[in-house]
Amino acid sequence: MDREEIINYLNDNGIEHIDSIQYDEEVVCLKLYYYFNEEGEDKPYSIDKARESMEEIIQDIKEEFNLEAQYMCYDDKICEEGFVEFIIAFYEKGIILDLDHIISSVM
């Protein structure tokens, strides 16, 4: 599993602010920010749109690289700059992963 390929795929899909989280060699864990394009939209609508967009991108990555993934959206951290924070873990099929454990151990 190539971290750079996954990051490039995210970049190609408009996700540019990505931080790598070091956790385990078998897990690509990323913190990223989904920025809203439309100004003046209601925050709940924007959050739903961000989740839907990220779910599509994550599903595409899972299919493209034959991986599993878990993510968490911190919609309570939506800020005036207009973004939502996501933590995503990509890993090989068959690995048992607890995203909450990863987040609590690295954050």
N, C-alpha and C. Protein backbone atom coordinates (compact mmCIF):
# COMPACT_ATOMS: atom_id res chain seq x y z
N MET A 1 0.86 -1.17 0.00
CA MET A 1 0.00 0.00 0.00
C MET A 1 0.90 1.23 0.00
N ASP A 2 0.68 2.08 -0.96
CA ASP A 2 1.53 3.25 -1.14
C ASP A 2 0.82 4.51 -0.68
N ARG A 3 1.33 5.08 0.40
CA ARG A 3 0.77 6.30 0.98
C ARG A 3 0.70 7.42 -0.05
N GLU A 4 1.76 7.58 -0.82
CA GLU A 4 1.82 8.67 -1.80
C GLU A 4 0.76 8.52 -2.89
N GLU A 5 0.51 7.29 -3.32
CA GLU A 5 -0.52 7.06 -4.33
C GLU A 5 -1.90 7.47 -3.80
N ILE A 6 -2.17 7.14 -2.56
CA ILE A 6 -3.46 7.51 -1.96
C ILE A 6 -3.56 9.02 -1.83
N ILE A 7 -2.50 9.66 -1.37
CA ILE A 7 -2.50 11.12 -1.25
C ILE A 7 -2.67 11.76 -2.62
N ASN A 8 -1.99 11.25 -3.62
CA ASN A 8 -2.15 11.78 -4.98
C ASN A 8 -3.58 11.63 -5.48
N TYR A 9 -4.20 10.50 -5.17
CA TYR A 9 -5.59 10.27 -5.57
C TYR A 9 -6.50 11.31 -4.90
N LEU A 10 -6.27 11.56 -3.62
CA LEU A 10 -7.05 12.58 -2.92
C LEU A 10 -6.82 13.96 -3.53
N ASN A 11 -5.56 14.28 -3.83
CA ASN A 11 -5.25 15.56 -4.48
C ASN A 11 -5.97 15.70 -5.81
N ASP A 12 -5.97 14.62 -6.59
CA ASP A 12 -6.64 14.63 -7.89
C ASP A 12 -8.14 14.85 -7.76
N ASN A 13 -8.69 14.57 -6.58
CA ASN A 13 -10.11 14.75 -6.33
C ASN A 13 -10.41 16.01 -5.52
N GLY A 14 -9.46 16.94 -5.53
CA GLY A 14 -9.70 18.25 -4.94
C GLY A 14 -9.39 18.38 -3.46
N ILE A 15 -8.82 17.34 -2.85
CA ILE A 15 -8.45 17.41 -1.44
C ILE A 15 -6.97 17.75 -1.39
N GLU A 16 -6.67 18.97 -0.95
CA GLU A 16 -5.28 19.44 -1.01
C GLU A 16 -4.61 19.57 0.35
N HIS A 17 -5.37 19.72 1.39
CA HIS A 17 -4.78 19.90 2.72
C HIS A 17 -4.83 18.57 3.46
N ILE A 18 -3.71 17.83 3.38
CA ILE A 18 -3.62 16.48 3.92
C ILE A 18 -2.38 16.38 4.80
N ASP A 19 -2.56 15.85 6.00
CA ASP A 19 -1.45 15.58 6.91
C ASP A 19 -1.38 14.08 7.15
N SER A 20 -0.19 13.50 7.07
CA SER A 20 -0.01 12.09 7.39
C SER A 20 0.06 11.93 8.89
N ILE A 21 -0.56 10.87 9.38
CA ILE A 21 -0.50 10.53 10.80
C ILE A 21 0.29 9.22 10.89
N GLN A 22 1.40 9.24 11.59
CA GLN A 22 2.22 8.05 11.74
C GLN A 22 1.60 7.15 12.80
N TYR A 23 1.25 5.95 12.40
CA TYR A 23 0.65 5.01 13.34
C TYR A 23 1.26 3.62 13.20
N ASP A 24 1.14 3.03 12.03
CA ASP A 24 1.56 1.66 11.81
C ASP A 24 1.89 1.52 10.32
N GLU A 25 2.86 0.69 10.01
CA GLU A 25 3.24 0.50 8.60
C GLU A 25 2.11 -0.09 7.77
N GLU A 26 1.21 -0.84 8.40
CA GLU A 26 0.13 -1.49 7.68
C GLU A 26 -1.09 -0.59 7.49
N VAL A 27 -1.03 0.62 8.04
CA VAL A 27 -2.18 1.52 8.00
C VAL A 27 -1.73 2.88 7.46
N VAL A 28 -2.45 3.37 6.46
CA VAL A 28 -2.24 4.74 5.99
C VAL A 28 -3.30 5.58 6.68
N CYS A 29 -2.85 6.39 7.62
CA CYS A 29 -3.76 7.21 8.40
C CYS A 29 -3.52 8.68 8.03
N LEU A 30 -4.60 9.37 7.69
CA LEU A 30 -4.50 10.74 7.20
C LEU A 30 -5.49 11.65 7.91
N LYS A 31 -5.06 12.87 8.10
CA LYS A 31 -5.94 13.93 8.59
C LYS A 31 -6.08 14.89 7.41
N LEU A 32 -7.31 15.17 7.03
CA LEU A 32 -7.49 16.07 5.90
C LEU A 32 -8.65 17.02 6.14
N TYR A 33 -8.66 18.04 5.34
CA TYR A 33 -9.65 19.10 5.48
C TYR A 33 -10.41 19.24 4.18
N TYR A 34 -11.73 19.11 4.26
CA TYR A 34 -12.59 19.29 3.10
C TYR A 34 -13.09 20.72 3.13
N TYR A 35 -12.69 21.49 2.14
CA TYR A 35 -13.10 22.90 2.05
C TYR A 35 -14.34 23.03 1.18
N PHE A 36 -15.26 23.88 1.62
CA PHE A 36 -16.49 24.11 0.87
C PHE A 36 -16.23 25.11 -0.25
N ASN A 37 -16.83 24.85 -1.40
CA ASN A 37 -16.68 25.74 -2.54
C ASN A 37 -17.73 26.84 -2.56
N GLU A 38 -18.91 26.53 -2.07
CA GLU A 38 -20.00 27.49 -2.14
C GLU A 38 -20.01 28.37 -0.90
N GLU A 39 -20.12 29.66 -1.13
CA GLU A 39 -20.20 30.58 0.00
C GLU A 39 -21.66 30.81 0.34
N GLY A 40 -21.92 31.02 1.60
CA GLY A 40 -23.25 31.37 2.05
C GLY A 40 -24.20 30.21 2.25
N GLU A 41 -23.74 28.97 2.07
CA GLU A 41 -24.60 27.83 2.30
C GLU A 41 -24.76 27.60 3.80
N ASP A 42 -25.87 26.98 4.16
CA ASP A 42 -26.08 26.62 5.56
C ASP A 42 -25.04 25.58 5.96
N LYS A 43 -24.56 25.69 7.19
CA LYS A 43 -23.53 24.75 7.65
C LYS A 43 -24.01 23.30 7.64
N PRO A 44 -25.24 23.00 8.10
CA PRO A 44 -25.65 21.59 8.05
C PRO A 44 -25.64 21.02 6.63
N TYR A 45 -26.06 21.81 5.66
CA TYR A 45 -26.04 21.36 4.26
C TYR A 45 -24.60 21.14 3.82
N SER A 46 -23.72 22.06 4.17
CA SER A 46 -22.31 21.96 3.79
C SER A 46 -21.67 20.72 4.39
N ILE A 47 -21.98 20.43 5.64
CA ILE A 47 -21.42 19.25 6.31
C ILE A 47 -21.90 17.98 5.62
N ASP A 48 -23.21 17.92 5.31
CA ASP A 48 -23.74 16.75 4.60
C ASP A 48 -23.07 16.58 3.25
N LYS A 49 -22.88 17.67 2.55
CA LYS A 49 -22.24 17.62 1.23
C LYS A 49 -20.79 17.15 1.37
N ALA A 50 -20.09 17.63 2.39
CA ALA A 50 -18.70 17.21 2.63
C ALA A 50 -18.63 15.72 2.91
N ARG A 51 -19.52 15.23 3.76
CA ARG A 51 -19.54 13.80 4.08
C ARG A 51 -19.81 12.96 2.83
N GLU A 52 -20.82 13.36 2.07
CA GLU A 52 -21.16 12.61 0.85
C GLU A 52 -19.99 12.59 -0.13
N SER A 53 -19.36 13.73 -0.32
CA SER A 53 -18.22 13.80 -1.24
C SER A 53 -17.07 12.93 -0.77
N MET A 54 -16.76 13.00 0.52
CA MET A 54 -15.65 12.19 1.05
C MET A 54 -15.99 10.71 1.01
N GLU A 55 -17.24 10.35 1.29
CA GLU A 55 -17.62 8.94 1.21
C GLU A 55 -17.43 8.40 -0.21
N GLU A 56 -17.77 9.20 -1.21
CA GLU A 56 -17.56 8.79 -2.60
C GLU A 56 -16.08 8.60 -2.91
N ILE A 57 -15.27 9.56 -2.48
CA ILE A 57 -13.83 9.48 -2.73
C ILE A 57 -13.22 8.28 -2.02
N ILE A 58 -13.62 8.07 -0.77
CA ILE A 58 -13.11 6.93 0.00
C ILE A 58 -13.51 5.62 -0.67
N GLN A 59 -14.75 5.52 -1.12
CA GLN A 59 -15.21 4.31 -1.80
C GLN A 59 -14.40 4.07 -3.08
N ASP A 60 -14.13 5.12 -3.82
CA ASP A 60 -13.33 4.99 -5.04
C ASP A 60 -11.92 4.50 -4.72
N ILE A 61 -11.33 5.03 -3.65
CA ILE A 61 -9.98 4.60 -3.25
C ILE A 61 -10.00 3.13 -2.84
N LYS A 62 -11.01 2.75 -2.07
CA LYS A 62 -11.13 1.35 -1.65
C LYS A 62 -11.17 0.42 -2.87
N GLU A 63 -11.94 0.80 -3.87
CA GLU A 63 -12.05 -0.03 -5.07
C GLU A 63 -10.77 0.00 -5.90
N GLU A 64 -10.21 1.19 -6.07
CA GLU A 64 -9.01 1.35 -6.90
C GLU A 64 -7.80 0.59 -6.34
N PHE A 65 -7.63 0.62 -5.01
CA PHE A 65 -6.45 0.03 -4.38
C PHE A 65 -6.75 -1.27 -3.63
N ASN A 66 -8.01 -1.73 -3.71
CA ASN A 66 -8.42 -2.96 -3.03
C ASN A 66 -8.13 -2.90 -1.53
N LEU A 67 -8.62 -1.85 -0.90
CA LEU A 67 -8.38 -1.60 0.52
C LEU A 67 -9.69 -1.50 1.29
N GLU A 68 -9.56 -1.49 2.59
CA GLU A 68 -10.65 -1.15 3.49
C GLU A 68 -10.36 0.24 4.04
N ALA A 69 -11.37 0.87 4.61
CA ALA A 69 -11.17 2.21 5.18
C ALA A 69 -12.19 2.48 6.27
N GLN A 70 -11.77 3.28 7.21
CA GLN A 70 -12.66 3.83 8.23
C GLN A 70 -12.36 5.31 8.31
N TYR A 71 -13.39 6.08 8.61
CA TYR A 71 -13.16 7.52 8.74
C TYR A 71 -14.02 8.10 9.85
N MET A 72 -13.59 9.25 10.31
CA MET A 72 -14.35 10.01 11.28
C MET A 72 -14.38 11.46 10.80
N CYS A 73 -15.55 12.04 10.87
CA CYS A 73 -15.74 13.43 10.46
C CYS A 73 -15.96 14.26 11.71
N TYR A 74 -15.16 15.28 11.86
CA TYR A 74 -15.31 16.18 13.00
C TYR A 74 -16.12 17.39 12.57
N ASP A 75 -17.42 17.19 12.41
CA ASP A 75 -18.25 18.30 11.95
C ASP A 75 -18.46 19.35 13.02
N ASP A 76 -18.14 19.03 14.26
CA ASP A 76 -18.22 20.05 15.31
C ASP A 76 -17.06 21.03 15.20
N LYS A 77 -16.07 20.69 14.39
CA LYS A 77 -14.92 21.57 14.22
C LYS A 77 -15.02 22.44 12.98
N ILE A 78 -16.23 22.49 12.39
CA ILE A 78 -16.39 23.35 11.22
C ILE A 78 -16.07 24.77 11.66
N CYS A 79 -15.30 25.43 10.87
CA CYS A 79 -14.87 26.76 11.29
C CYS A 79 -15.28 27.80 10.26
N GLU A 80 -15.04 29.02 10.60
CA GLU A 80 -15.43 30.13 9.74
C GLU A 80 -14.71 30.10 8.40
N GLU A 81 -13.56 29.43 8.31
CA GLU A 81 -12.87 29.33 7.03
C GLU A 81 -13.60 28.39 6.08
N GLY A 82 -14.59 27.64 6.58
CA GLY A 82 -15.41 26.81 5.73
C GLY A 82 -14.84 25.44 5.41
N PHE A 83 -14.40 24.71 6.41
CA PHE A 83 -13.94 23.35 6.16
C PHE A 83 -14.37 22.40 7.26
N VAL A 84 -14.34 21.11 6.93
CA VAL A 84 -14.62 20.04 7.88
C VAL A 84 -13.38 19.16 7.93
N GLU A 85 -13.02 18.71 9.13
CA GLU A 85 -11.85 17.87 9.33
C GLU A 85 -12.25 16.39 9.30
N PHE A 86 -11.45 15.59 8.61
CA PHE A 86 -11.65 14.14 8.55
C PHE A 86 -10.38 13.44 8.99
N ILE A 87 -10.54 12.31 9.68
CA ILE A 87 -9.45 11.38 9.94
C ILE A 87 -9.84 10.10 9.19
N ILE A 88 -8.94 9.61 8.35
CA ILE A 88 -9.22 8.42 7.54
C ILE A 88 -8.08 7.43 7.71
N ALA A 89 -8.43 6.17 7.88
CA ALA A 89 -7.45 5.09 7.93
C ALA A 89 -7.73 4.12 6.79
N PHE A 90 -6.74 3.89 5.95
CA PHE A 90 -6.82 2.90 4.87
C PHE A 90 -5.94 1.72 5.27
N TYR A 91 -6.42 0.51 5.00
CA TYR A 91 -5.67 -0.67 5.41
C TYR A 91 -6.06 -1.85 4.53
N GLU A 92 -5.20 -2.86 4.51
CA GLU A 92 -5.43 -4.06 3.71
C GLU A 92 -6.64 -4.82 4.24
N LYS A 93 -7.33 -5.49 3.34
CA LYS A 93 -8.47 -6.33 3.74
C LYS A 93 -7.98 -7.42 4.67
N GLY A 94 -8.79 -7.73 5.68
CA GLY A 94 -8.44 -8.77 6.64
C GLY A 94 -7.83 -8.24 7.92
N ILE A 95 -7.37 -7.01 7.92
CA ILE A 95 -6.81 -6.41 9.13
C ILE A 95 -7.97 -5.89 9.99
N ILE A 96 -7.89 -6.16 11.27
CA ILE A 96 -8.89 -5.64 12.21
C ILE A 96 -8.35 -4.32 12.75
N LEU A 97 -9.17 -3.29 12.64
CA LEU A 97 -8.71 -1.94 12.98
C LEU A 97 -9.75 -1.24 13.85
N ASP A 98 -9.28 -0.50 14.83
CA ASP A 98 -10.15 0.30 15.68
C ASP A 98 -9.73 1.76 15.52
N LEU A 99 -10.48 2.51 14.72
CA LEU A 99 -10.12 3.90 14.44
C LEU A 99 -10.11 4.75 15.70
N ASP A 100 -11.03 4.50 16.62
CA ASP A 100 -11.04 5.25 17.87
C ASP A 100 -9.73 5.07 18.64
N HIS A 101 -9.21 3.84 18.63
CA HIS A 101 -7.93 3.57 19.30
C HIS A 101 -6.79 4.33 18.62
N ILE A 102 -6.79 4.34 17.30
CA ILE A 102 -5.75 5.08 16.58
C ILE A 102 -5.81 6.55 16.94
N ILE A 103 -6.99 7.11 16.89
CA ILE A 103 -7.14 8.54 17.17
C ILE A 103 -6.70 8.86 18.59
N SER A 104 -7.11 8.05 19.55
CA SER A 104 -6.73 8.34 20.94
C SER A 104 -5.24 8.15 21.18
N SER A 105 -4.58 7.30 20.40
CA SER A 105 -3.15 7.07 20.63
C SER A 105 -2.25 8.07 19.92
N VAL A 106 -2.74 8.73 18.89
CA VAL A 106 -1.88 9.65 18.14
C VAL A 106 -2.28 11.11 18.26
N MET A 107 -3.43 11.39 18.77
CA MET A 107 -3.88 12.79 18.84
C MET A 107 -3.68 13.35 20.23
